[in-house]
Amino acid sequence: HKIQISEIINKIMNLFPSMKEKIIMHNSIPNEEIIVDETKFIIALRNLLDNALKYGVGNKVALNIEKKDDFMFKVEDLGIGISEGNIEKITQPFFQTDKKDYKQGIGLGLTICKKIIESHQGWLSIQSKLGQGSIFTLHIPIQKIKG
């Protein structure tokens, strides 16, 4: 259904009451509306923020929302990063990177995230450099909303 982006962001931020000071949020399109399954989309975005906070080694995490060719919800951390060889693998079920970096979880979060975004005809893009952090972006196509 149709929902205002600022409403989604408020709901997401309320899921992280003790971490609000760690999430630097910039929403350049607060009055825009998107058509999404609200519950599923919030699960996907929350998962990316959970991971960023988990692997961001105490640093702040950025959540940037912008509109270019599509709606982009970017979650950026300055954490441990992901090796080039693992970027393709991390959305596969049960895959986890190096066990010394293991945090609680079973390796399904990004798989679920990818499936949710694809069910919205969108996609998940991942940029990362080992030791320098990662940017996970949920891309949602811009729908022509009929009046």
N, C-alpha and C. Protein backbone atom coordinates (compact mmCIF):
# COMPACT_ATOMS: atom_id res chain seq x y z
N HIS A 1 0.83 -1.19 0.00
CA HIS A 1 0.00 0.00 0.00
C HIS A 1 0.87 1.25 0.00
N LYS A 2 0.27 2.38 -0.18
CA LYS A 2 0.97 3.65 -0.29
C LYS A 2 1.27 4.19 1.11
N ILE A 3 2.52 4.57 1.33
CA ILE A 3 2.90 5.10 2.65
C ILE A 3 3.96 6.20 2.47
N GLN A 4 3.87 7.20 3.31
CA GLN A 4 4.83 8.30 3.25
C GLN A 4 6.18 7.82 3.81
N ILE A 5 7.25 8.21 3.14
CA ILE A 5 8.58 7.77 3.54
C ILE A 5 8.89 8.20 4.97
N SER A 6 8.50 9.40 5.36
CA SER A 6 8.78 9.86 6.73
C SER A 6 8.10 8.96 7.77
N GLU A 7 6.94 8.41 7.42
CA GLU A 7 6.23 7.52 8.35
C GLU A 7 7.00 6.20 8.52
N ILE A 8 7.52 5.68 7.43
CA ILE A 8 8.33 4.45 7.51
C ILE A 8 9.55 4.70 8.39
N ILE A 9 10.22 5.82 8.17
CA ILE A 9 11.42 6.14 8.93
C ILE A 9 11.11 6.28 10.42
N ASN A 10 10.01 6.93 10.76
CA ASN A 10 9.62 7.04 12.18
C ASN A 10 9.43 5.66 12.80
N LYS A 11 8.77 4.78 12.06
CA LYS A 11 8.53 3.42 12.58
C LYS A 11 9.85 2.66 12.75
N ILE A 12 10.75 2.82 11.80
CA ILE A 12 12.06 2.16 11.89
C ILE A 12 12.84 2.69 13.10
N MET A 13 12.90 4.00 13.23
CA MET A 13 13.68 4.59 14.33
C MET A 13 13.12 4.19 15.69
N ASN A 14 11.81 3.99 15.78
CA ASN A 14 11.20 3.55 17.04
C ASN A 14 11.58 2.12 17.40
N LEU A 15 12.10 1.37 16.43
CA LEU A 15 12.55 0.01 16.72
C LEU A 15 13.94 -0.01 17.36
N PHE A 16 14.62 1.14 17.37
CA PHE A 16 15.97 1.23 17.91
C PHE A 16 16.05 2.30 19.00
N PRO A 17 15.23 2.19 20.05
CA PRO A 17 15.18 3.27 21.04
C PRO A 17 16.52 3.58 21.69
N SER A 18 17.33 2.56 21.97
CA SER A 18 18.60 2.81 22.66
C SER A 18 19.74 3.12 21.69
N MET A 19 19.47 3.05 20.40
CA MET A 19 20.52 3.26 19.40
C MET A 19 20.32 4.52 18.57
N LYS A 20 19.28 5.29 18.90
CA LYS A 20 18.95 6.45 18.06
C LYS A 20 20.12 7.40 17.87
N GLU A 21 20.96 7.56 18.90
CA GLU A 21 22.08 8.48 18.78
C GLU A 21 23.17 7.93 17.86
N LYS A 22 23.13 6.63 17.58
CA LYS A 22 24.14 6.03 16.70
C LYS A 22 23.72 6.06 15.23
N ILE A 23 22.44 6.32 14.97
CA ILE A 23 21.95 6.31 13.59
C ILE A 23 21.82 7.76 13.11
N ILE A 24 22.66 8.11 12.14
CA ILE A 24 22.60 9.45 11.55
C ILE A 24 21.69 9.34 10.33
N MET A 25 20.55 10.00 10.42
CA MET A 25 19.53 9.85 9.38
C MET A 25 19.43 11.10 8.54
N HIS A 26 19.40 10.89 7.22
CA HIS A 26 19.18 12.00 6.31
C HIS A 26 18.13 11.58 5.28
N ASN A 27 16.97 12.17 5.36
CA ASN A 27 15.89 11.85 4.43
C ASN A 27 15.66 13.07 3.54
N SER A 28 16.14 12.99 2.30
CA SER A 28 16.01 14.13 1.40
C SER A 28 14.63 14.20 0.73
N ILE A 29 13.79 13.20 0.98
CA ILE A 29 12.46 13.16 0.34
C ILE A 29 11.36 12.78 1.34
N PRO A 30 11.24 13.50 2.46
CA PRO A 30 10.29 13.08 3.52
C PRO A 30 8.84 13.06 3.09
N ASN A 31 8.46 13.87 2.13
CA ASN A 31 7.05 13.94 1.74
C ASN A 31 6.67 13.01 0.59
N GLU A 32 7.64 12.29 0.08
CA GLU A 32 7.35 11.34 -1.00
C GLU A 32 6.61 10.13 -0.43
N GLU A 33 5.85 9.47 -1.29
CA GLU A 33 5.17 8.23 -0.91
C GLU A 33 5.68 7.09 -1.78
N ILE A 34 5.75 5.92 -1.19
CA ILE A 34 6.10 4.72 -1.96
C ILE A 34 5.01 3.69 -1.75
N ILE A 35 4.96 2.75 -2.68
CA ILE A 35 4.00 1.66 -2.57
C ILE A 35 4.79 0.41 -2.18
N VAL A 36 4.61 -0.03 -0.94
CA VAL A 36 5.31 -1.20 -0.42
C VAL A 36 4.40 -1.96 0.53
N ASP A 37 4.78 -3.21 0.75
CA ASP A 37 4.19 -3.96 1.86
C ASP A 37 4.93 -3.43 3.09
N GLU A 38 4.27 -2.60 3.86
CA GLU A 38 4.91 -1.87 4.95
C GLU A 38 5.65 -2.79 5.92
N THR A 39 5.01 -3.85 6.36
CA THR A 39 5.62 -4.75 7.34
C THR A 39 6.89 -5.38 6.78
N LYS A 40 6.80 -5.90 5.56
CA LYS A 40 7.97 -6.56 4.97
C LYS A 40 9.10 -5.57 4.71
N PHE A 41 8.74 -4.39 4.22
CA PHE A 41 9.77 -3.40 3.92
C PHE A 41 10.49 -2.97 5.20
N ILE A 42 9.74 -2.79 6.28
CA ILE A 42 10.35 -2.42 7.57
C ILE A 42 11.27 -3.54 8.05
N ILE A 43 10.88 -4.79 7.85
CA ILE A 43 11.76 -5.92 8.22
C ILE A 43 13.07 -5.83 7.46
N ALA A 44 13.00 -5.57 6.16
CA ALA A 44 14.21 -5.50 5.33
C ALA A 44 15.13 -4.37 5.79
N LEU A 45 14.57 -3.19 5.98
CA LEU A 45 15.38 -2.04 6.37
C LEU A 45 15.93 -2.20 7.79
N ARG A 46 15.10 -2.75 8.66
CA ARG A 46 15.56 -2.99 10.04
C ARG A 46 16.74 -3.97 10.05
N ASN A 47 16.66 -4.98 9.20
CA ASN A 47 17.73 -5.97 9.12
C ASN A 47 19.05 -5.30 8.72
N LEU A 48 19.00 -4.42 7.74
CA LEU A 48 20.23 -3.74 7.31
C LEU A 48 20.79 -2.87 8.43
N LEU A 49 19.91 -2.18 9.16
CA LEU A 49 20.37 -1.36 10.28
C LEU A 49 20.93 -2.22 11.41
N ASP A 50 20.26 -3.35 11.69
CA ASP A 50 20.77 -4.28 12.71
C ASP A 50 22.19 -4.71 12.37
N ASN A 51 22.39 -5.12 11.12
CA ASN A 51 23.72 -5.57 10.69
C ASN A 51 24.75 -4.45 10.81
N ALA A 52 24.38 -3.26 10.37
CA ALA A 52 25.31 -2.13 10.40
C ALA A 52 25.70 -1.82 11.85
N LEU A 53 24.74 -1.84 12.75
CA LEU A 53 25.03 -1.58 14.15
C LEU A 53 25.87 -2.69 14.77
N LYS A 54 25.62 -3.93 14.32
CA LYS A 54 26.35 -5.09 14.84
C LYS A 54 27.80 -5.09 14.38
N TYR A 55 28.01 -4.82 13.09
CA TYR A 55 29.34 -4.93 12.51
C TYR A 55 30.03 -3.59 12.37
N GLY A 56 29.40 -2.53 12.81
CA GLY A 56 29.96 -1.19 12.67
C GLY A 56 30.96 -0.83 13.75
N VAL A 57 31.37 -1.79 14.54
CA VAL A 57 32.34 -1.62 15.62
C VAL A 57 32.23 -0.28 16.37
N GLY A 58 31.06 0.00 16.87
CA GLY A 58 30.87 1.15 17.74
C GLY A 58 30.74 2.49 17.03
N ASN A 59 30.99 2.49 15.74
CA ASN A 59 30.87 3.74 14.99
C ASN A 59 29.41 4.06 14.72
N LYS A 60 29.19 5.26 14.29
CA LYS A 60 27.84 5.65 13.90
C LYS A 60 27.49 5.01 12.56
N VAL A 61 26.21 4.88 12.34
CA VAL A 61 25.68 4.28 11.12
C VAL A 61 24.85 5.35 10.42
N ALA A 62 24.95 5.42 9.11
CA ALA A 62 24.18 6.42 8.36
C ALA A 62 23.02 5.74 7.64
N LEU A 63 21.87 6.39 7.68
CA LEU A 63 20.71 5.97 6.90
C LEU A 63 20.34 7.16 6.01
N ASN A 64 20.55 7.01 4.71
CA ASN A 64 20.27 8.07 3.76
C ASN A 64 19.16 7.64 2.81
N ILE A 65 18.17 8.47 2.67
CA ILE A 65 17.06 8.18 1.76
C ILE A 65 17.06 9.25 0.69
N GLU A 66 17.09 8.81 -0.57
CA GLU A 66 17.11 9.75 -1.67
C GLU A 66 16.37 9.18 -2.88
N LYS A 67 16.13 10.04 -3.84
CA LYS A 67 15.41 9.65 -5.05
C LYS A 67 16.23 10.08 -6.25
N LYS A 68 16.59 9.11 -7.08
CA LYS A 68 17.26 9.41 -8.35
C LYS A 68 16.45 8.67 -9.41
N ASP A 69 17.02 7.61 -9.97
CA ASP A 69 16.25 6.80 -10.92
C ASP A 69 15.25 5.91 -10.20
N ASP A 70 15.46 5.76 -8.90
CA ASP A 70 14.57 4.98 -8.05
C ASP A 70 14.66 5.55 -6.63
N PHE A 71 13.86 5.01 -5.73
CA PHE A 71 13.98 5.38 -4.32
C PHE A 71 15.11 4.55 -3.74
N MET A 72 16.01 5.20 -3.02
CA MET A 72 17.16 4.48 -2.45
C MET A 72 17.21 4.69 -0.94
N PHE A 73 17.28 3.58 -0.23
CA PHE A 73 17.42 3.57 1.22
C PHE A 73 18.80 2.99 1.49
N LYS A 74 19.78 3.85 1.80
CA LYS A 74 21.17 3.44 1.95
C LYS A 74 21.55 3.34 3.42
N VAL A 75 22.09 2.20 3.79
CA VAL A 75 22.58 2.00 5.15
C VAL A 75 24.09 1.83 5.06
N GLU A 76 24.80 2.75 5.70
CA GLU A 76 26.26 2.78 5.59
C GLU A 76 26.90 2.66 6.97
N ASP A 77 27.91 1.79 7.05
CA ASP A 77 28.67 1.67 8.30
C ASP A 77 30.15 1.80 8.00
N LEU A 78 30.92 2.04 9.04
CA LEU A 78 32.37 2.16 8.91
C LEU A 78 33.02 0.96 9.57
N GLY A 79 32.39 -0.19 9.45
CA GLY A 79 32.81 -1.38 10.18
C GLY A 79 33.86 -2.22 9.49
N ILE A 80 33.76 -3.51 9.70
CA ILE A 80 34.79 -4.46 9.27
C ILE A 80 34.81 -4.66 7.76
N GLY A 81 33.71 -4.33 7.09
CA GLY A 81 33.68 -4.52 5.64
C GLY A 81 33.55 -5.97 5.24
N ILE A 82 33.46 -6.19 3.95
CA ILE A 82 33.27 -7.54 3.40
C ILE A 82 34.24 -7.68 2.25
N SER A 83 34.92 -8.81 2.19
CA SER A 83 35.86 -9.03 1.09
C SER A 83 35.09 -9.15 -0.22
N GLU A 84 35.77 -8.78 -1.31
CA GLU A 84 35.13 -8.81 -2.63
C GLU A 84 34.55 -10.18 -2.94
N GLY A 85 35.27 -11.23 -2.58
CA GLY A 85 34.81 -12.59 -2.84
C GLY A 85 33.54 -12.97 -2.10
N ASN A 86 33.30 -12.31 -0.96
CA ASN A 86 32.12 -12.65 -0.16
C ASN A 86 30.90 -11.81 -0.47
N ILE A 87 31.07 -10.69 -1.18
CA ILE A 87 29.93 -9.81 -1.46
C ILE A 87 28.82 -10.56 -2.18
N GLU A 88 29.18 -11.37 -3.18
CA GLU A 88 28.17 -12.14 -3.92
C GLU A 88 27.52 -13.20 -3.04
N LYS A 89 28.29 -13.75 -2.11
CA LYS A 89 27.83 -14.89 -1.31
C LYS A 89 26.94 -14.50 -0.13
N ILE A 90 27.07 -13.28 0.38
CA ILE A 90 26.41 -12.96 1.66
C ILE A 90 24.90 -12.93 1.60
N THR A 91 24.32 -12.92 0.40
CA THR A 91 22.85 -12.97 0.34
C THR A 91 22.36 -14.41 0.15
N GLN A 92 23.30 -15.37 0.13
CA GLN A 92 22.89 -16.77 0.03
C GLN A 92 22.49 -17.29 1.42
N PRO A 93 21.48 -18.17 1.45
CA PRO A 93 21.03 -18.69 2.76
C PRO A 93 22.16 -19.33 3.55
N PHE A 94 22.21 -19.02 4.82
CA PHE A 94 23.12 -19.60 5.82
C PHE A 94 24.58 -19.22 5.65
N PHE A 95 24.90 -18.38 4.65
CA PHE A 95 26.30 -17.98 4.49
C PHE A 95 26.66 -16.95 5.55
N GLN A 96 27.79 -17.17 6.20
CA GLN A 96 28.33 -16.17 7.12
C GLN A 96 29.79 -15.99 6.79
N THR A 97 30.28 -14.76 6.96
CA THR A 97 31.68 -14.50 6.68
C THR A 97 32.52 -15.15 7.77
N ASP A 98 33.76 -14.85 7.79
CA ASP A 98 34.73 -15.42 8.73
C ASP A 98 34.14 -15.61 10.13
N LYS A 99 34.29 -16.81 10.65
CA LYS A 99 33.67 -17.14 11.95
C LYS A 99 34.21 -16.27 13.09
N LYS A 100 35.44 -15.74 12.97
CA LYS A 100 35.93 -14.86 14.05
C LYS A 100 35.13 -13.57 14.12
N ASP A 101 34.48 -13.21 13.02
CA ASP A 101 33.63 -12.03 13.00
C ASP A 101 32.18 -12.38 13.32
N TYR A 102 31.96 -13.65 13.67
CA TYR A 102 30.60 -14.15 13.89
C TYR A 102 29.89 -13.39 14.99
N LYS A 103 28.71 -12.98 14.69
CA LYS A 103 27.82 -12.39 15.69
C LYS A 103 26.60 -13.30 15.71
N GLN A 104 25.77 -13.19 16.73
CA GLN A 104 24.63 -14.10 16.77
C GLN A 104 23.77 -13.96 15.52
N GLY A 105 23.28 -15.06 15.06
CA GLY A 105 22.49 -15.09 13.84
C GLY A 105 22.78 -16.38 13.11
N ILE A 106 21.94 -16.67 12.12
CA ILE A 106 22.15 -17.92 11.39
C ILE A 106 22.41 -17.70 9.91
N GLY A 107 22.57 -16.45 9.51
CA GLY A 107 22.92 -16.19 8.12
C GLY A 107 21.74 -16.12 7.17
N LEU A 108 20.58 -15.75 7.66
CA LEU A 108 19.41 -15.63 6.78
C LEU A 108 18.95 -14.19 6.57
N GLY A 109 19.44 -13.27 7.37
CA GLY A 109 18.96 -11.89 7.34
C GLY A 109 19.04 -11.25 5.96
N LEU A 110 20.20 -11.33 5.32
CA LEU A 110 20.35 -10.68 4.02
C LEU A 110 19.60 -11.44 2.93
N THR A 111 19.46 -12.75 3.10
CA THR A 111 18.67 -13.54 2.15
C THR A 111 17.23 -13.06 2.18
N ILE A 112 16.68 -12.90 3.38
CA ILE A 112 15.30 -12.44 3.55
C ILE A 112 15.16 -11.02 3.00
N CYS A 113 16.12 -10.19 3.32
CA CYS A 113 16.13 -8.80 2.86
C CYS A 113 16.08 -8.74 1.32
N LYS A 114 16.91 -9.53 0.68
CA LYS A 114 16.97 -9.57 -0.79
C LYS A 114 15.64 -10.05 -1.37
N LYS A 115 15.06 -11.08 -0.77
CA LYS A 115 13.78 -11.61 -1.27
C LYS A 115 12.66 -10.58 -1.12
N ILE A 116 12.65 -9.87 0.02
CA ILE A 116 11.62 -8.85 0.24
C ILE A 116 11.73 -7.76 -0.81
N ILE A 117 12.93 -7.26 -1.03
CA ILE A 117 13.09 -6.15 -1.96
C ILE A 117 12.79 -6.58 -3.39
N GLU A 118 13.13 -7.82 -3.73
CA GLU A 118 12.82 -8.33 -5.07
C GLU A 118 11.32 -8.52 -5.25
N SER A 119 10.60 -8.83 -4.17
CA SER A 119 9.14 -8.96 -4.26
C SER A 119 8.48 -7.61 -4.54
N HIS A 120 9.23 -6.53 -4.35
CA HIS A 120 8.75 -5.18 -4.65
C HIS A 120 9.30 -4.69 -6.00
N GLN A 121 9.80 -5.63 -6.83
CA GLN A 121 10.43 -5.32 -8.11
C GLN A 121 11.66 -4.41 -7.93
N GLY A 122 12.24 -4.47 -6.76
CA GLY A 122 13.45 -3.70 -6.49
C GLY A 122 14.65 -4.61 -6.39
N TRP A 123 15.75 -4.07 -5.87
CA TRP A 123 16.95 -4.87 -5.71
C TRP A 123 17.79 -4.32 -4.58
N LEU A 124 18.71 -5.17 -4.13
CA LEU A 124 19.65 -4.83 -3.06
C LEU A 124 21.02 -4.69 -3.69
N SER A 125 21.67 -3.54 -3.49
CA SER A 125 23.05 -3.40 -3.96
C SER A 125 23.96 -3.30 -2.74
N ILE A 126 25.18 -3.82 -2.92
CA ILE A 126 26.14 -3.88 -1.82
C ILE A 126 27.48 -3.36 -2.32
N GLN A 127 28.00 -2.38 -1.58
CA GLN A 127 29.35 -1.89 -1.84
C GLN A 127 30.12 -2.07 -0.54
N SER A 128 31.34 -2.60 -0.63
CA SER A 128 32.11 -2.78 0.59
C SER A 128 33.59 -2.95 0.27
N LYS A 129 34.40 -2.52 1.23
CA LYS A 129 35.84 -2.76 1.18
C LYS A 129 36.24 -3.30 2.53
N LEU A 130 37.01 -4.35 2.52
CA LEU A 130 37.44 -4.98 3.76
C LEU A 130 38.15 -3.95 4.64
N GLY A 131 37.71 -3.85 5.88
CA GLY A 131 38.31 -2.93 6.83
C GLY A 131 37.85 -1.49 6.70
N GLN A 132 36.98 -1.20 5.73
CA GLN A 132 36.56 0.19 5.52
C GLN A 132 35.06 0.41 5.63
N GLY A 133 34.30 -0.66 5.77
CA GLY A 133 32.86 -0.49 5.92
C GLY A 133 32.08 -0.91 4.69
N SER A 134 30.77 -0.74 4.79
CA SER A 134 29.86 -1.23 3.75
C SER A 134 28.71 -0.26 3.54
N ILE A 135 28.15 -0.30 2.34
CA ILE A 135 26.91 0.42 2.04
C ILE A 135 25.95 -0.59 1.43
N PHE A 136 24.82 -0.79 2.10
CA PHE A 136 23.76 -1.65 1.60
C PHE A 136 22.62 -0.75 1.17
N THR A 137 22.16 -0.90 -0.06
CA THR A 137 21.11 -0.02 -0.56
C THR A 137 19.91 -0.83 -1.04
N LEU A 138 18.74 -0.48 -0.50
CA LEU A 138 17.47 -1.02 -0.99
C LEU A 138 16.98 -0.07 -2.08
N HIS A 139 16.80 -0.60 -3.28
CA HIS A 139 16.31 0.19 -4.41
C HIS A 139 14.85 -0.18 -4.65
N ILE A 140 13.98 0.82 -4.63
CA ILE A 140 12.55 0.62 -4.90
C ILE A 140 12.21 1.42 -6.16
N PRO A 141 11.65 0.76 -7.18
CA PRO A 141 11.29 1.51 -8.38
C PRO A 141 10.27 2.61 -8.08
N ILE A 142 10.37 3.68 -8.83
CA ILE A 142 9.40 4.77 -8.69
C ILE A 142 8.16 4.37 -9.46
N GLN A 143 7.05 4.21 -8.72
CA GLN A 143 5.79 3.82 -9.35
C GLN A 143 5.00 5.07 -9.70
N LYS A 144 4.33 4.99 -10.78
CA LYS A 144 3.40 6.08 -11.13
C LYS A 144 2.12 5.80 -10.36
N ILE A 145 1.86 6.63 -9.35
CA ILE A 145 0.68 6.43 -8.51
C ILE A 145 -0.52 7.08 -9.22
N LYS A 146 -1.48 6.24 -9.54
CA LYS A 146 -2.69 6.75 -10.22
C LYS A 146 -3.62 7.35 -9.19
N GLY A 147 -4.10 8.57 -9.47
CA GLY A 147 -4.94 9.32 -8.55
C GLY A 147 -6.17 8.59 -8.13
